[in-house]
Protein backbone atom coordinates (compact mmCIF):
# COMPACT_ATOMS: atom_id res chain seq x y z
CA MET A 1 176.05 145.30 135.12
CA ILE A 2 175.20 147.16 132.20
CA THR A 3 178.50 146.70 130.80
CA LYS A 4 177.77 142.74 131.17
CA LEU A 5 174.19 143.11 129.39
CA ILE A 6 175.63 145.04 126.56
CA LYS A 7 178.34 142.21 126.41
CA SER A 8 175.54 139.55 126.27
CA VAL A 9 173.67 141.56 123.58
CA ALA A 10 176.33 141.69 121.36
CA MET A 11 177.54 138.22 121.78
CA ALA A 12 173.92 137.41 121.09
CA ALA A 13 173.94 139.36 117.92
CA PHE A 14 177.30 138.40 116.75
CA ALA A 15 176.30 134.53 117.19
CA ALA A 16 172.96 135.26 115.21
CA ALA A 17 174.74 137.02 112.73
CA ALA A 18 177.34 133.96 112.45
CA LEU A 19 174.40 131.47 112.42
CA ALA A 20 172.63 133.52 109.73
CA SER A 21 176.20 133.54 107.75
CA ALA A 22 176.35 129.81 108.34
CA GLN A 23 173.25 128.70 107.03
CA ALA A 24 173.43 131.12 104.09
CA GLN A 25 176.41 129.15 103.21
CA GLU A 26 174.65 125.94 103.23
CA LEU A 27 172.33 127.13 100.65
CA LYS A 28 173.12 125.95 97.20
CA ILE A 29 171.84 128.24 94.82
CA GLY A 30 171.79 127.92 90.84
CA TYR A 31 170.97 130.61 88.24
CA VAL A 32 169.97 130.01 84.46
CA ASN A 33 169.69 132.54 81.61
CA SER A 34 166.72 131.70 79.57
CA GLU A 35 167.59 133.71 77.26
CA ARG A 36 170.89 132.47 76.52
CA VAL A 37 168.97 128.93 76.66
CA LEU A 38 166.88 129.50 73.95
CA ARG A 39 169.63 131.22 71.65
CA GLU A 40 172.59 128.65 72.21
CA ALA A 41 171.56 125.48 72.72
CA ALA A 42 171.57 122.75 69.69
CA PRO A 43 167.98 122.15 69.86
CA ALA A 44 167.05 125.72 69.84
CA LYS A 45 169.45 126.14 66.79
CA ALA A 46 167.97 123.14 65.08
CA ALA A 47 164.19 124.30 65.68
CA LEU A 48 165.56 127.65 64.16
CA ALA A 49 167.20 125.68 60.96
CA ARG A 50 163.45 123.71 60.67
CA MET A 51 161.62 127.20 60.82
CA GLU A 52 163.75 128.38 58.22
CA SER A 53 163.76 125.35 56.17
CA ASP A 54 159.75 125.21 56.39
CA PHE A 55 158.92 129.02 56.02
CA GLY A 56 162.04 130.33 53.92
CA LYS A 57 160.29 129.28 50.59
CA ARG A 58 157.10 131.11 51.67
CA ASP A 59 158.56 134.31 52.56
CA LYS A 60 160.73 134.15 49.38
CA ASP A 61 157.72 133.84 47.28
CA LEU A 62 156.43 136.85 49.37
CA ASN A 63 159.01 139.33 48.79
CA GLU A 64 158.96 138.19 44.77
CA GLN A 65 155.51 139.15 45.14
CA ALA A 66 155.94 142.36 46.87
CA ALA A 67 158.58 143.23 44.10
CA ARG A 68 156.38 142.35 41.33
CA PHE A 69 153.75 144.80 42.71
CA LYS A 70 156.24 147.35 43.12
CA SER A 71 157.34 147.30 39.58
CA ALA A 72 153.63 147.23 38.24
CA ALA A 73 152.98 150.38 40.48
CA GLU A 74 156.26 152.24 39.10
CA LYS A 75 155.27 151.14 35.30
CA LEU A 76 151.56 152.39 36.00
CA GLU A 77 153.21 155.90 37.27
CA LYS A 78 155.15 156.24 34.51
CA ASP A 79 152.21 155.13 31.81
CA ALA A 80 149.79 157.28 33.36
CA PRO A 81 149.78 160.30 31.64
CA THR A 82 149.26 158.10 28.22
CA LEU A 83 146.79 155.72 29.20
CA SER A 84 143.01 155.94 28.94
CA GLU A 85 141.19 156.74 31.95
CA ALA A 86 139.42 153.21 31.59
CA GLU A 87 142.97 151.55 31.23
CA ARG A 88 144.16 153.21 34.21
CA ASN A 89 141.28 153.27 36.50
CA ARG A 90 141.57 149.37 35.47
CA ARG A 91 145.23 148.76 36.30
CA GLN A 92 144.58 150.67 39.48
CA ARG A 93 142.06 148.20 40.88
CA GLU A 94 144.32 145.27 39.72
CA LEU A 95 147.01 147.21 42.04
CA VAL A 96 144.85 147.50 44.98
CA GLU A 97 143.75 143.86 44.69
CA GLN A 98 147.34 142.83 44.65
CA GLU A 99 148.23 144.80 47.37
CA ARG A 100 145.29 143.49 49.48
CA ASP A 101 146.25 139.99 48.39
CA ILE A 102 149.99 140.70 49.19
CA GLN A 103 149.26 141.93 52.63
CA ARG A 104 146.99 138.94 53.49
CA LYS A 105 149.60 136.43 52.69
CA ARG A 106 151.84 138.38 54.71
CA ARG A 107 149.64 138.48 57.56
CA GLU A 108 148.95 135.07 57.19
CA PHE A 109 152.50 134.09 57.07
CA GLN A 110 153.33 136.13 59.90
CA GLU A 111 150.51 134.45 62.03
CA ASP A 112 151.81 130.91 60.98
CA LEU A 113 155.57 131.87 61.77
CA ASN A 114 154.34 133.25 65.23
CA GLN A 115 152.43 130.18 65.89
CA ARG A 116 155.51 127.65 64.98
CA ARG A 117 157.76 129.97 66.84
CA ASN A 118 155.71 129.73 70.15
CA GLU A 119 155.21 125.92 69.84
CA GLU A 120 158.71 125.28 69.08
CA THR A 121 159.98 127.79 72.13
CA ALA A 122 157.15 126.20 74.56
CA ALA A 123 158.89 122.47 73.41
CA LEU A 124 162.46 123.89 74.14
CA VAL A 125 161.52 125.59 77.50
CA GLU A 126 159.78 122.19 78.56
CA ARG A 127 162.87 120.22 77.92
CA ALA A 128 165.29 122.96 79.52
CA ASN A 129 162.75 122.86 82.53
CA LYS A 130 163.00 118.86 82.78
CA VAL A 131 167.09 119.34 82.57
CA ILE A 132 167.10 122.11 85.27
CA LYS A 133 165.22 119.88 87.20
CA GLN A 134 167.26 117.01 86.74
CA ILE A 135 170.42 119.02 87.68
CA PHE A 136 168.43 120.48 90.55
CA ASP A 137 167.53 116.92 92.02
CA SER A 138 171.08 115.34 91.01
CA GLU A 139 173.38 118.25 92.74
CA LYS A 140 171.03 118.53 95.74
CA TYR A 141 170.31 122.77 94.82
CA ASP A 142 168.34 124.41 97.07
CA LEU A 143 166.99 126.98 94.92
CA ILE A 144 167.40 127.32 90.76
CA VAL A 145 166.15 130.58 89.70
CA GLN A 146 165.76 131.67 86.00
CA ASP A 147 166.34 135.38 84.58
CA ALA A 148 167.49 137.13 87.93
CA VAL A 149 168.49 140.63 87.36
CA PHE A 150 171.94 140.37 88.56
CA SER A 151 173.78 137.10 89.67
CA SER A 152 177.24 135.94 90.07
CA PRO A 153 179.25 133.70 87.99
CA ARG A 154 179.95 131.24 90.48
CA VAL A 155 176.32 130.39 90.56
CA ASP A 156 175.41 130.47 87.13
CA ILE A 157 174.47 127.28 85.86
CA THR A 158 173.34 127.87 82.15
CA ASP A 159 176.19 126.26 80.70
CA LYS A 160 175.51 123.11 82.79
CA VAL A 161 171.89 123.49 81.06
CA ILE A 162 173.19 124.36 77.50
CA LYS A 163 175.61 121.07 77.61
CA ALA A 164 172.82 118.81 78.98
CA LEU A 165 170.32 119.93 76.27
CA ASN A 166 172.87 119.53 73.71
CA GLY A 167 173.49 115.98 74.57
CA ALA A 168 169.78 115.34 75.60
CA PRO A 169 168.00 113.02 73.14
CA ALA A 170 164.63 114.94 71.64
CA GLY A 171 162.43 112.87 73.31
CA ARG A 172 163.67 113.47 77.23
């Protein structure tokens, strides 16, 4: 009797495990590496190129201003022993004002750049999510996750997403 009970329990456990395994195999799961999409997709590269074009001149101007400031500070340091106190103080004040102006412009530049980067990233994420949703619907996925700690290449659909983004028009 006990042997029969043990066999029944074992069979039930085996059947439950087999059923769970079969159900798990029926699930269609996909994984998307968001960081890779944001780095490798053509729209991401185009956004980066636009930002470099839009902000490159401003960055160059700020770097030139900083170089002129450094040169003027070195010149003041070299000339300081031969300058009158009034002239030395005047040039020091000019340098302090120049440094403040450069710092303010650099801060404004950084804020503008960050805002633009955030806007471009948000637009790309929205487009990528639409593409992922289309893949989800058309290929009948049960679950698509982003940014998993571990994933198998078998479930990685990042290349599909990048390919779809590269072929999708901007307004999609």
